[in-house]
Amino acid sequence: MNLLRLLGRLGSQPLRRLLLAAGGSALSSTIVLAIINAAAQNIAKEKADFLDAVLALLFLASLAGFWFSQVWLVRRMASDLEEVVDGLRLRLLTHIRHADLLKLEKFGQTPLFESISQASQTISQNSQFLALALQSCLLTLAILVYIALSNALAFLLIGGLLALGTWGYMRLGRELQAQQQKLMQQEAVLFEGVSDLFDGFKEQRLNSARSAALGQSFAEASERTVAARNIVHMHSWQQFIFGEMAFNLMLGLVIFVAPAYAKGFSAQMAQVATAVLFMSAPVFGLMQSLAIMTAAEAAAGRMLELEPELAALAEEGSDQPGEPLPADFQQLQLDAISFSFPGRDGERGFSVGPFDLTLRRGEVVFVTGGNGSGKSTFIKLLTGLYRPTSGRLLLDGIPVGPDRLAAWRDNMATVFADFHLFSRLYGTPSPDRTEAARLMAWLEMDKVTALKDDRFDRRDLSAGQRKRLGLVAALLEEKPILILDEWAADQDPHFRHKFYREIVPALKARGLTLIAVTHDDHYFDVADRHLHMEEGRMSEMPVPPPPAGQGDMAA
């Protein structure tokens, strides 16, 4: 059972503790049953209507024991599950933080989000049902022991029917799970149609045939989903009705079968019948728990399976303390660096390089090339996000291996083309307020949003404005190397001109090494060097002279 495997990660003590609490709850309930039967027998035997104070006190004490053990069990189960899920979730996130980018890109984000977010939530919401299932199992066993002590034949009949009913119930449950899998597949097709409608809204409005076909496809998928859901409901009710029928058969055995084969059974009939009725609560509680725990059990399985898969994505050396690199370096070198993407179905994968390139500190380098030329791959190799197939990175002649990769990256601040604007300035918890205000005004964002503590109070902005905030965040990191990937592509003409004619020269004057992927050929004169990519190969192009009369507008 995956949930118990999950709890087992805390060691054996939590499981023993939970079993002890569930056992105490089951024992208290069984004692309540024994006291009720004993009191009923006393009343019938003595023909008296007086209160038996001893039995009444024992009854109240047993109820109190049941209450406290049950409350403690549910609370402890929820706490232990939250602790182990939180620990596993943190380990999964740690694996992701240290994952190799290329491996992570192949793995995909969907299983990660589902397992880390949705699966952990499912387990947390249903933890009490695991406690209920555990308590119900032990209570059912305790009542069976009580019945065995009362009448052996009744125990054999009820125990046999209970075992047969459990087998039938679990078999129906497997059929229900199979139908639920089919329903999930149909729902996935239905949601795909909804996604097509929203993502392709403009296209379907511009083509009536496409719109009609999309509507027809959605209607058919919806009809199949309804049919699959009806089948799931039918199997679910079949399972529940089967459980009720099996329980009622147990009562029938006590009333109609046992007296015919056991001498003197009539004397224990009321006692056994009461025990069977008392068993209804744990039996139906177990049925309910098993039905609800299906999702939690599957969620726990997904989280447990994901951990070794993520561990296999780890970047070499990422879990070891890194070696430092000189802070006051003069040049970066790419020595015969090349990289190849794995091919599919026997096809040859796309390759870039070899790159033999030296970048000097304080240079402004523009990188150009068409779509698919390898610019983004070059940037990922330069930043160490992709590990080269061959060649090596050097900083002032020092080879950068896995042990120095973190130090290499720590020299770089980036704003990628698909960058993410974080909700907080992680890694820059106490930014210089004066410098932050100056940058916000310089990038013309001070009237749009504000940096409060380490957060921007607005992020629902245009792509160009978000990239300006990304540049503010990158500059506040105060790294010696700034890498911008298509940063100016989303800026309006006014700010694009300001970026190339004012901001870039000012950053160069500060001593920053700026590497920018760009297509803005009107501003190539701003660069010290121009590198051009074509079909994975790099060549150095001449830098044009600045326009006549163009002065330095650096801030």
Protein backbone atom coordinates (compact mmCIF):
# COMPACT_ATOMS: atom_id res chain seq x y z
CA MET A 1 0.00 0.00 0.00
CA ASN A 2 1.56 3.24 -1.18
CA LEU A 3 0.26 5.37 1.71
CA LEU A 4 1.80 3.00 4.24
CA ARG A 5 5.04 2.96 2.23
CA LEU A 6 4.99 6.72 2.43
CA LEU A 7 4.48 6.65 6.20
CA GLY A 8 7.25 4.08 6.49
CA ARG A 9 9.73 6.78 5.43
CA LEU A 10 9.35 8.26 8.92
CA GLY A 11 10.57 4.98 10.40
CA SER A 12 8.77 2.23 12.27
CA GLN A 13 7.76 4.31 15.30
CA PRO A 14 4.95 6.31 13.60
CA LEU A 15 3.41 3.09 12.21
CA ARG A 16 3.57 1.41 15.63
CA ARG A 17 2.06 4.52 17.19
CA LEU A 18 -0.79 4.58 14.69
CA LEU A 19 -1.46 0.85 15.09
CA LEU A 20 -1.52 1.29 18.86
CA ALA A 21 -4.03 4.16 18.61
CA ALA A 22 -6.19 2.26 16.11
CA GLY A 23 -6.03 -0.81 18.33
CA GLY A 24 -7.05 1.25 21.36
CA SER A 25 -10.00 2.68 19.44
CA ALA A 26 -11.08 -0.78 18.24
CA LEU A 27 -10.70 -2.27 21.72
CA SER A 28 -12.75 0.53 23.28
CA SER A 29 -15.55 -0.03 20.76
CA THR A 30 -15.51 -3.79 21.36
CA ILE A 31 -15.67 -3.24 25.11
CA VAL A 32 -18.70 -0.98 24.55
CA LEU A 33 -20.33 -3.85 22.62
CA ALA A 34 -19.53 -6.36 25.40
CA ILE A 35 -20.89 -4.03 28.08
CA ILE A 36 -24.13 -3.46 26.17
CA ASN A 37 -24.66 -7.21 25.75
CA ALA A 38 -23.75 -7.88 29.38
CA ALA A 39 -26.17 -5.22 30.59
CA ALA A 40 -28.96 -6.59 28.38
CA GLN A 41 -28.36 -10.13 29.67
CA ASN A 42 -28.42 -8.93 33.29
CA ILE A 43 -31.70 -7.13 32.76
CA ALA A 44 -33.23 -10.18 31.04
CA LYS A 45 -31.93 -12.54 33.73
CA GLU A 46 -32.79 -10.50 36.80
CA LYS A 47 -36.04 -9.08 35.39
CA ALA A 48 -34.95 -5.82 36.96
CA ASP A 49 -35.09 -2.26 35.75
CA PHE A 50 -32.45 -0.79 38.10
CA LEU A 51 -29.21 0.88 36.91
CA ASP A 52 -26.03 -1.22 37.07
CA ALA A 53 -23.61 1.52 38.17
CA VAL A 54 -20.44 -0.50 37.50
CA LEU A 55 -21.41 -1.35 33.93
CA ALA A 56 -22.59 2.21 33.32
CA LEU A 57 -19.24 3.61 34.49
CA LEU A 58 -17.36 1.07 32.36
CA PHE A 59 -19.56 2.04 29.42
CA LEU A 60 -18.73 5.75 29.85
CA ALA A 61 -15.04 5.00 30.32
CA SER A 62 -14.99 2.91 27.14
CA LEU A 63 -16.71 5.68 25.20
CA ALA A 64 -14.15 8.17 26.51
CA GLY A 65 -11.33 5.83 25.50
CA PHE A 66 -12.83 5.48 22.03
CA TRP A 67 -13.19 9.26 21.69
CA PHE A 68 -9.66 10.14 22.74
CA SER A 69 -7.97 7.34 20.79
CA GLN A 70 -9.99 8.12 17.64
CA VAL A 71 -9.29 11.86 17.79
CA TRP A 72 -5.61 11.25 18.48
CA LEU A 73 -5.44 8.70 15.64
CA VAL A 74 -6.91 11.06 13.04
CA ARG A 75 -4.81 13.99 14.21
CA ARG A 76 -1.62 11.94 14.36
CA MET A 77 -2.27 10.36 10.97
CA ALA A 78 -2.82 13.76 9.36
CA SER A 79 0.30 15.17 11.05
CA ASP A 80 2.54 12.24 10.06
CA LEU A 81 1.29 12.23 6.48
CA GLU A 82 1.78 16.00 6.20
CA GLU A 83 5.32 15.62 7.55
CA VAL A 84 6.29 12.85 5.14
CA VAL A 85 4.59 14.50 2.15
CA ASP A 86 6.32 17.79 2.95
CA GLY A 87 9.67 16.04 3.20
CA LEU A 88 9.14 14.19 -0.06
CA ARG A 89 7.90 17.35 -1.79
CA LEU A 90 11.02 19.24 -0.68
CA ARG A 91 13.24 16.40 -1.92
CA LEU A 92 11.47 16.44 -5.29
CA LEU A 93 11.94 20.22 -5.55
CA THR A 94 15.61 19.83 -4.59
CA HIS A 95 16.04 17.24 -7.34
CA ILE A 96 14.48 19.67 -9.82
CA ARG A 97 16.72 22.54 -8.66
CA HIS A 98 19.78 20.39 -9.31
CA ALA A 99 18.53 18.78 -12.52
CA ASP A 100 20.35 18.93 -15.82
CA LEU A 101 18.39 21.33 -18.07
CA LEU A 102 18.42 19.13 -21.16
CA LYS A 103 17.20 16.10 -19.21
CA LEU A 104 14.52 18.19 -17.54
CA GLU A 105 13.31 19.54 -20.89
CA LYS A 106 12.91 15.97 -22.15
CA PHE A 107 11.11 14.92 -18.97
CA GLY A 108 8.47 17.66 -19.29
CA GLN A 109 6.63 19.81 -16.77
CA THR A 110 3.19 18.16 -16.67
CA PRO A 111 4.14 15.11 -14.53
CA LEU A 112 6.11 17.38 -12.20
CA PHE A 113 3.24 19.77 -11.55
CA GLU A 114 0.75 16.93 -11.16
CA SER A 115 2.90 14.98 -8.70
CA ILE A 116 4.29 17.83 -6.62
CA SER A 117 1.21 20.02 -6.40
CA GLN A 118 -1.94 18.03 -7.12
CA ALA A 119 -0.80 14.67 -5.72
CA SER A 120 0.39 16.10 -2.42
CA GLN A 121 -2.88 18.02 -2.08
CA THR A 122 -4.89 14.83 -2.72
CA ILE A 123 -2.99 12.96 -0.01
CA SER A 124 -3.42 15.79 2.49
CA GLN A 125 -7.16 16.05 1.88
CA ASN A 126 -7.74 12.32 2.40
CA SER A 127 -5.40 11.49 5.28
CA GLN A 128 -8.30 11.01 7.70
CA PHE A 129 -9.70 8.21 5.57
CA LEU A 130 -6.51 6.19 5.98
CA ALA A 131 -6.95 6.52 9.74
CA LEU A 132 -10.61 5.48 9.39
CA ALA A 133 -9.68 2.48 7.23
CA LEU A 134 -7.04 1.35 9.72
CA GLN A 135 -9.39 1.71 12.66
CA SER A 136 -12.24 0.00 10.78
CA CYS A 137 -10.08 -3.02 9.91
CA LEU A 138 -8.95 -3.50 13.51
CA LEU A 139 -12.46 -2.98 14.88
CA THR A 140 -13.91 -5.53 12.44
CA LEU A 141 -11.26 -8.06 13.52
CA ALA A 142 -11.95 -7.34 17.21
CA ILE A 143 -15.70 -7.89 16.74
CA LEU A 144 -15.01 -11.14 14.88
CA VAL A 145 -12.92 -12.29 17.85
CA TYR A 146 -15.82 -11.36 20.14
CA ILE A 147 -18.23 -13.38 17.96
CA ALA A 148 -15.81 -16.34 17.97
CA LEU A 149 -15.78 -16.29 21.77
CA SER A 150 -19.59 -16.17 21.79
CA ASN A 151 -20.26 -18.89 19.20
CA ALA A 152 -17.74 -20.70 17.00
CA LEU A 153 -20.25 -21.65 14.29
CA ALA A 154 -21.51 -18.09 13.96
CA PHE A 155 -17.90 -16.93 13.65
CA LEU A 156 -17.17 -19.42 10.86
CA LEU A 157 -20.32 -18.47 8.95
CA ILE A 158 -19.88 -14.71 9.34
CA GLY A 159 -16.11 -14.83 8.84
CA GLY A 160 -16.48 -16.93 5.69
CA LEU A 161 -19.14 -14.66 4.22
CA LEU A 162 -17.08 -11.58 5.16
CA ALA A 163 -14.02 -13.01 3.38
CA LEU A 164 -16.11 -13.88 0.32
CA GLY A 165 -17.72 -10.43 0.35
CA THR A 166 -14.32 -8.75 0.65
CA TRP A 167 -13.04 -10.69 -2.37
CA GLY A 168 -16.11 -9.74 -4.41
CA TYR A 169 -15.95 -6.12 -3.27
CA MET A 170 -12.26 -5.80 -4.22
CA ARG A 171 -12.91 -7.42 -7.60
CA LEU A 172 -15.67 -4.92 -8.30
CA GLY A 173 -13.25 -2.23 -7.16
CA ARG A 174 -10.69 -3.29 -9.76
CA GLU A 175 -13.36 -3.13 -12.46
CA LEU A 176 -14.31 0.33 -11.19
CA GLN A 177 -10.69 1.48 -11.39
CA ALA A 178 -10.46 0.26 -14.99
CA GLN A 179 -13.59 2.24 -15.89
CA GLN A 180 -12.19 5.30 -14.11
CA GLN A 181 -9.04 5.08 -16.25
CA LYS A 182 -11.21 5.05 -19.38
CA LEU A 183 -13.14 8.04 -18.04
CA MET A 184 -9.89 9.94 -17.46
CA GLN A 185 -8.86 9.27 -21.06
CA GLN A 186 -12.19 10.58 -22.35
CA GLU A 187 -11.94 13.65 -20.12
CA ALA A 188 -8.45 14.33 -21.47
CA VAL A 189 -9.88 14.36 -25.01
CA LEU A 190 -12.69 16.65 -23.83
CA PHE A 191 -10.26 19.08 -22.17
CA GLU A 192 -8.10 19.05 -25.29
CA GLY A 193 -11.15 20.31 -27.22
CA VAL A 194 -11.69 23.06 -24.65
CA SER A 195 -8.02 24.03 -24.92
CA ASP A 196 -8.29 24.15 -28.72
CA LEU A 197 -11.31 26.42 -28.41
CA PHE A 198 -9.59 28.97 -26.16
CA ASP A 199 -6.10 28.79 -27.68
CA GLY A 200 -7.43 28.91 -31.24
CA PHE A 201 -10.38 31.22 -30.65
CA LYS A 202 -9.39 33.72 -33.35
CA GLU A 203 -8.74 31.01 -35.93
CA GLN A 204 -12.09 29.28 -35.35
CA ARG A 205 -13.96 32.59 -35.55
CA LEU A 206 -12.31 33.29 -38.92
CA ASN A 207 -13.30 29.93 -40.41
CA SER A 208 -16.91 28.78 -40.07
CA ALA A 209 -16.10 25.24 -41.29
CA ARG A 210 -13.35 24.91 -38.67
CA SER A 211 -15.69 26.30 -36.01
CA ALA A 212 -18.44 23.82 -36.93
CA ALA A 213 -16.01 20.90 -37.02
CA LEU A 214 -14.59 21.91 -33.63
CA GLY A 215 -18.10 22.11 -32.18
CA GLN A 216 -18.99 18.68 -33.62
CA SER A 217 -15.80 17.14 -32.25
CA PHE A 218 -16.44 18.68 -28.84
CA ALA A 219 -20.04 17.37 -28.83
CA GLU A 220 -18.89 13.84 -29.69
CA ALA A 221 -16.18 13.91 -27.03
CA SER A 222 -18.70 15.23 -24.50
CA GLU A 223 -21.15 12.44 -25.37
CA ARG A 224 -18.44 9.78 -24.93
CA THR A 225 -17.42 11.36 -21.61
CA VAL A 226 -21.01 11.32 -20.34
CA ALA A 227 -21.33 7.64 -21.33
CA ALA A 228 -18.04 6.77 -19.60
CA ARG A 229 -19.07 8.68 -16.48
CA ASN A 230 -22.43 6.86 -16.36
CA ILE A 231 -20.59 3.54 -16.52
CA VAL A 232 -18.37 4.65 -13.63
CA HIS A 233 -21.43 5.66 -11.60
CA MET A 234 -23.06 2.30 -12.33
CA HIS A 235 -19.98 0.33 -11.23
CA SER A 236 -19.62 2.51 -8.15
CA TRP A 237 -23.21 1.85 -7.07
CA GLN A 238 -22.87 -1.85 -7.89
CA GLN A 239 -19.91 -2.04 -5.55
CA PHE A 240 -21.73 -0.17 -2.78
CA ILE A 241 -24.95 -2.26 -3.15
CA PHE A 242 -22.87 -5.45 -3.16
CA GLY A 243 -21.33 -4.42 0.15
CA GLU A 244 -24.74 -3.69 1.67
CA MET A 245 -26.11 -7.01 0.40
CA ALA A 246 -23.17 -8.95 1.85
CA PHE A 247 -23.67 -7.29 5.22
CA ASN A 248 -27.41 -8.07 5.25
CA LEU A 249 -26.61 -11.68 4.37
CA MET A 250 -24.50 -11.86 7.53
CA LEU A 251 -27.57 -10.94 9.56
CA GLY A 252 -29.59 -13.53 7.63
CA LEU A 253 -27.04 -16.20 8.51
CA VAL A 254 -27.32 -15.34 12.20
CA ILE A 255 -31.13 -15.38 12.19
CA PHE A 256 -31.98 -18.20 9.78
CA VAL A 257 -28.98 -20.51 9.36
CA ALA A 258 -27.02 -20.65 12.61
CA PRO A 259 -30.00 -21.77 14.82
CA ALA A 260 -30.58 -24.80 12.57
CA TYR A 261 -27.03 -26.13 13.00
CA ALA A 262 -25.92 -25.02 16.47
CA LYS A 263 -27.50 -26.36 19.66
CA GLY A 264 -28.52 -23.69 22.12
CA PHE A 265 -27.67 -20.92 19.66
CA SER A 266 -30.92 -19.13 20.42
CA ALA A 267 -29.41 -18.08 23.74
CA GLN A 268 -26.53 -16.29 21.95
CA MET A 269 -28.60 -15.07 18.97
CA ALA A 270 -29.28 -11.62 20.40
CA GLN A 271 -25.64 -11.28 21.44
CA VAL A 272 -24.27 -12.26 18.01
CA ALA A 273 -26.89 -10.21 16.14
CA THR A 274 -25.93 -7.17 18.20
CA ALA A 275 -22.27 -7.78 17.34
CA VAL A 276 -23.11 -8.01 13.62
CA LEU A 277 -25.11 -4.77 13.81
CA PHE A 278 -22.23 -3.19 15.70
CA MET A 279 -19.95 -4.27 12.86
CA SER A 280 -21.94 -2.18 10.38
CA ALA A 281 -20.13 1.05 11.29
CA PRO A 282 -16.57 -0.23 10.63
CA VAL A 283 -17.62 -2.25 7.56
CA PHE A 284 -19.37 0.67 5.87
CA GLY A 285 -16.62 3.02 7.07
CA LEU A 286 -14.06 0.75 5.42
CA MET A 287 -16.10 0.64 2.21
CA GLN A 288 -16.29 4.43 2.15
CA SER A 289 -12.60 4.83 2.95
CA LEU A 290 -11.46 2.42 0.26
CA ALA A 291 -13.55 4.22 -2.34
CA ILE A 292 -12.14 7.63 -1.41
CA MET A 293 -8.59 6.45 -0.77
CA THR A 294 -8.20 5.24 -4.35
CA ALA A 295 -7.13 8.71 -5.49
CA ALA A 296 -4.83 9.22 -2.48
CA GLU A 297 -3.24 5.80 -3.02
CA ALA A 298 -2.56 6.59 -6.68
CA ALA A 299 -1.19 10.03 -5.74
CA ALA A 300 1.21 8.50 -3.20
CA GLY A 301 2.36 6.02 -5.84
CA ARG A 302 3.07 8.82 -8.30
CA MET A 303 5.14 10.76 -5.76
CA LEU A 304 7.13 7.69 -4.75
CA GLU A 305 7.82 6.73 -8.38
CA LEU A 306 8.84 10.29 -9.28
CA GLU A 307 11.70 10.60 -6.79
CA PRO A 308 14.09 8.08 -8.42
CA GLU A 309 13.13 9.45 -11.86
CA LEU A 310 14.08 12.97 -10.79
CA ALA A 311 17.24 11.74 -9.07
CA ALA A 312 18.31 10.36 -12.47
CA LEU A 313 18.04 13.90 -13.93
CA ALA A 314 20.69 15.30 -11.59
CA GLU A 315 23.47 17.35 -13.10
CA GLU A 316 26.91 15.93 -12.44
CA GLY A 317 28.52 17.53 -9.41
CA SER A 318 25.45 19.59 -8.48
CA ASP A 319 25.21 18.01 -5.02
CA GLN A 320 28.88 18.62 -4.17
CA PRO A 321 30.47 21.79 -2.71
CA GLY A 322 31.82 23.74 -5.68
CA GLU A 323 35.31 25.09 -6.26
CA PRO A 324 35.70 28.90 -6.51
CA LEU A 325 36.81 30.89 -9.55
CA PRO A 326 38.63 34.26 -9.61
CA ALA A 327 36.24 37.18 -9.12
CA ASP A 328 38.51 39.59 -10.97
CA PHE A 329 38.78 37.64 -14.24
CA GLN A 330 39.74 39.08 -17.63
CA GLN A 331 38.38 36.66 -20.19
CA LEU A 332 36.07 33.74 -20.89
CA GLN A 333 37.10 31.10 -23.37
CA LEU A 334 35.15 28.46 -25.28
CA ASP A 335 37.72 25.90 -26.39
CA ALA A 336 36.40 23.69 -29.23
CA ILE A 337 32.95 23.59 -27.63
CA SER A 338 30.37 21.58 -29.56
CA PHE A 339 26.97 20.16 -28.76
CA SER A 340 24.56 17.76 -30.44
CA PHE A 341 20.92 17.12 -29.66
CA PRO A 342 20.01 13.42 -29.64
CA GLY A 343 18.37 12.35 -32.90
CA ARG A 344 15.02 10.59 -33.14
CA ASP A 345 14.07 7.49 -35.13
CA GLY A 346 17.56 7.14 -36.51
CA GLU A 347 17.76 10.75 -37.67
CA ARG A 348 20.81 12.86 -36.96
CA GLY A 349 20.26 15.47 -34.27
CA PHE A 350 20.98 19.18 -34.68
CA SER A 351 24.55 20.13 -33.84
CA VAL A 352 26.29 23.41 -33.04
CA GLY A 353 29.98 24.26 -32.94
CA PRO A 354 32.77 23.72 -32.54
CA PHE A 355 33.15 27.17 -30.97
CA ASP A 356 36.63 28.58 -30.46
CA LEU A 357 35.87 31.91 -28.88
CA THR A 358 37.43 34.28 -26.38
CA LEU A 359 35.25 36.97 -24.74
CA ARG A 360 37.10 39.75 -22.96
CA ARG A 361 35.82 41.53 -19.90
CA GLY A 362 33.98 44.77 -20.63
CA GLU A 363 33.11 43.88 -24.23
CA VAL A 364 29.71 44.42 -25.84
CA VAL A 365 29.04 41.39 -28.05
CA PHE A 366 26.02 41.06 -30.33
CA VAL A 367 24.96 37.61 -31.51
CA THR A 368 22.78 37.34 -34.60
CA GLY A 369 21.30 34.60 -36.77
CA GLY A 370 18.04 33.31 -38.17
CA ASN A 371 15.51 31.09 -36.45
CA GLY A 372 17.00 27.66 -35.83
CA SER A 373 20.55 28.84 -36.40
CA GLY A 374 21.66 27.78 -32.89
CA LYS A 375 21.73 31.13 -31.04
CA SER A 376 19.76 29.92 -28.01
CA THR A 377 21.82 26.73 -27.83
CA PHE A 378 25.01 28.81 -27.91
CA ILE A 379 23.72 30.93 -25.01
CA LYS A 380 22.86 27.80 -23.00
CA LEU A 381 26.35 26.44 -23.62
CA LEU A 382 27.92 29.76 -22.66
CA THR A 383 25.96 29.89 -19.40
CA GLY A 384 26.70 26.24 -18.63
CA LEU A 385 23.04 25.24 -18.77
CA TYR A 386 23.87 22.70 -21.48
CA ARG A 387 26.88 20.45 -21.02
CA PRO A 388 29.00 20.37 -24.20
CA THR A 389 29.39 17.15 -26.13
CA SER A 390 33.06 18.03 -26.51
CA GLY A 391 35.37 20.90 -25.66
CA ARG A 392 35.70 22.90 -22.48
CA LEU A 393 34.98 26.26 -20.84
CA LEU A 394 37.85 28.26 -19.34
CA LEU A 395 38.01 31.36 -17.13
CA ASP A 396 41.42 33.06 -17.34
CA GLY A 397 42.80 29.71 -18.47
CA ILE A 398 41.24 27.73 -15.58
CA PRO A 399 39.17 24.77 -16.89
CA VAL A 400 35.57 24.84 -15.69
CA GLY A 401 34.49 21.31 -14.83
CA PRO A 402 31.42 20.13 -12.88
CA ASP A 403 33.03 21.29 -9.63
CA ARG A 404 33.41 24.90 -10.89
CA LEU A 405 30.22 25.19 -12.94
CA ALA A 406 28.24 26.90 -10.14
CA ALA A 407 31.00 29.52 -9.73
CA TRP A 408 31.03 30.08 -13.53
CA ARG A 409 27.27 30.69 -13.57
CA ASP A 410 27.44 32.96 -10.54
CA ASN A 411 29.28 35.52 -12.69
CA MET A 412 26.27 35.87 -14.99
CA ALA A 413 22.95 37.67 -14.84
CA THR A 414 20.47 36.85 -17.61
CA VAL A 415 17.18 37.84 -19.19
CA PHE A 416 16.27 35.02 -21.58
CA ALA A 417 13.75 35.36 -24.40
CA ASP A 418 11.39 33.11 -22.41
CA PHE A 419 12.47 34.48 -19.04
CA HIS A 420 10.35 34.19 -15.90
CA LEU A 421 9.74 37.29 -13.78
CA PHE A 422 9.83 35.90 -10.24
CA SER A 423 7.39 37.10 -7.59
CA ARG A 424 10.39 38.08 -5.42
CA LEU A 425 14.00 39.03 -6.00
CA TYR A 426 15.26 35.63 -4.88
CA GLY A 427 18.97 35.78 -4.12
CA THR A 428 18.83 39.58 -3.73
CA PRO A 429 16.89 39.86 -0.46
CA SER A 430 18.06 43.40 0.42
CA PRO A 431 18.50 45.35 -2.82
CA ASP A 432 20.06 48.82 -2.70
CA ARG A 433 16.95 51.03 -2.56
CA THR A 434 18.68 54.05 -4.10
CA GLU A 435 20.06 52.00 -6.98
CA ALA A 436 16.71 50.21 -7.44
CA ALA A 437 14.85 53.55 -7.65
CA ARG A 438 17.42 54.87 -10.14
CA LEU A 439 17.10 51.79 -12.34
CA MET A 440 13.29 51.90 -12.24
CA ALA A 441 13.35 55.54 -13.37
CA TRP A 442 16.06 54.89 -15.97
CA LEU A 443 14.03 52.06 -17.51
CA GLU A 444 10.87 54.20 -17.30
CA MET A 445 9.05 51.81 -14.98
CA ASP A 446 8.77 54.00 -11.89
CA LYS A 447 5.36 55.31 -12.98
CA VAL A 448 4.10 51.80 -13.83
CA THR A 449 5.05 49.73 -10.79
CA ALA A 450 7.24 49.88 -7.73
CA LEU A 451 9.75 47.68 -5.96
CA LYS A 452 8.53 47.18 -2.39
CA ASP A 453 11.07 45.40 -0.22
CA ASP A 454 12.06 42.58 -2.58
CA ARG A 455 8.83 42.41 -4.64
CA PHE A 456 7.41 44.25 -7.63
CA ASP A 457 3.88 45.23 -6.69
CA ARG A 458 2.65 44.65 -10.28
CA ARG A 459 3.59 41.94 -12.76
CA ASP A 460 0.50 41.96 -15.01
CA LEU A 461 2.31 44.06 -17.63
CA SER A 462 3.14 43.94 -21.32
CA ALA A 463 5.98 41.70 -22.51
CA GLY A 464 8.25 44.71 -23.02
CA GLN A 465 7.56 46.10 -19.54
CA ARG A 466 8.11 42.69 -17.94
CA LYS A 467 11.47 42.46 -19.68
CA ARG A 468 12.39 45.88 -18.31
CA LEU A 469 11.65 44.62 -14.82
CA GLY A 470 13.70 41.53 -15.64
CA LEU A 471 16.60 43.79 -16.56
CA VAL A 472 16.18 45.75 -13.31
CA ALA A 473 16.34 42.47 -11.36
CA ALA A 474 19.39 41.32 -13.35
CA LEU A 475 21.28 44.58 -12.77
CA LEU A 476 20.51 44.49 -9.05
CA GLU A 477 22.36 41.16 -8.89
CA GLU A 478 25.55 43.15 -9.69
CA LYS A 479 27.14 40.37 -11.75
CA PRO A 480 30.06 41.16 -14.09
CA ILE A 481 28.43 39.48 -17.13
CA LEU A 482 24.96 40.36 -18.46
CA ILE A 483 23.34 38.11 -21.08
CA LEU A 484 20.22 39.31 -22.91
CA ASP A 485 18.35 37.10 -25.38
CA GLU A 486 16.15 39.07 -27.81
CA TRP A 487 15.57 41.61 -25.01
CA ALA A 488 14.80 44.59 -27.27
CA ALA A 489 12.42 42.66 -29.54
CA ASP A 490 9.40 43.51 -27.35
CA GLN A 491 10.27 47.19 -26.79
CA ASP A 492 8.60 50.11 -28.57
CA PRO A 493 10.74 52.15 -31.01
CA HIS A 494 11.41 54.91 -28.45
CA PHE A 495 12.72 52.59 -25.78
CA ARG A 496 14.58 50.37 -28.26
CA HIS A 497 16.52 53.47 -29.35
CA LYS A 498 17.15 54.39 -25.72
CA PHE A 499 18.37 50.89 -24.95
CA TYR A 500 20.98 50.78 -27.70
CA ARG A 501 22.07 54.42 -27.67
CA GLU A 502 21.97 55.12 -23.94
CA ILE A 503 21.63 52.02 -21.76
CA VAL A 504 24.11 49.72 -23.53
CA PRO A 505 26.94 52.34 -23.59
CA ALA A 506 26.26 53.12 -19.92
CA LEU A 507 26.50 49.45 -18.96
CA LYS A 508 29.76 49.17 -20.91
CA ALA A 509 31.08 52.22 -19.07
CA ARG A 510 30.38 50.41 -15.80
CA GLY A 511 32.67 47.61 -16.93
CA LEU A 512 29.93 45.03 -17.57
CA THR A 513 30.47 42.37 -20.21
CA LEU A 514 27.27 42.43 -22.28
CA ILE A 515 26.30 39.58 -24.60
CA ALA A 516 23.05 40.25 -26.44
CA VAL A 517 21.17 38.18 -29.00
CA THR A 518 19.58 40.70 -31.35
CA HIS A 519 18.17 41.33 -34.82
CA ASP A 520 18.30 45.14 -34.66
CA ASP A 521 20.82 45.75 -37.47
CA HIS A 522 20.32 49.54 -37.21
CA TYR A 523 22.25 49.45 -33.93
CA PHE A 524 25.06 46.98 -34.68
CA ASP A 525 27.56 49.83 -34.43
CA VAL A 526 26.99 49.88 -30.65
CA ALA A 527 28.76 46.52 -30.30
CA ASP A 528 32.46 45.88 -29.95
CA ARG A 529 32.02 42.54 -31.69
CA HIS A 530 29.38 40.95 -33.92
CA LEU A 531 29.06 37.14 -33.93
CA HIS A 532 26.77 35.57 -36.52
CA MET A 533 25.22 32.08 -36.27
CA GLU A 534 24.15 30.03 -39.27
CA GLU A 535 23.27 26.30 -39.20
CA GLY A 536 25.04 25.84 -35.90
CA ARG A 537 28.28 27.50 -37.03
CA MET A 538 29.62 30.85 -35.81
CA SER A 539 31.55 33.48 -37.69
CA GLU A 540 32.74 36.95 -36.68
CA MET A 541 31.38 39.83 -38.72
CA PRO A 542 32.75 43.39 -39.03
CA VAL A 543 31.11 46.02 -36.83
CA PRO A 544 29.82 49.00 -38.83
CA PRO A 545 30.91 52.53 -37.86
CA PRO A 546 28.47 54.66 -35.82
CA PRO A 547 26.16 57.00 -37.71
CA ALA A 548 27.57 60.42 -38.45
CA GLY A 549 27.12 62.79 -35.52
CA GLN A 550 26.12 59.99 -33.11
CA GLY A 551 27.49 60.91 -29.70
CA ASP A 552 27.73 58.98 -26.49
CA MET A 553 24.41 59.23 -24.68
CA ALA A 554 25.42 57.07 -21.74
CA ALA A 555 23.80 57.89 -18.42
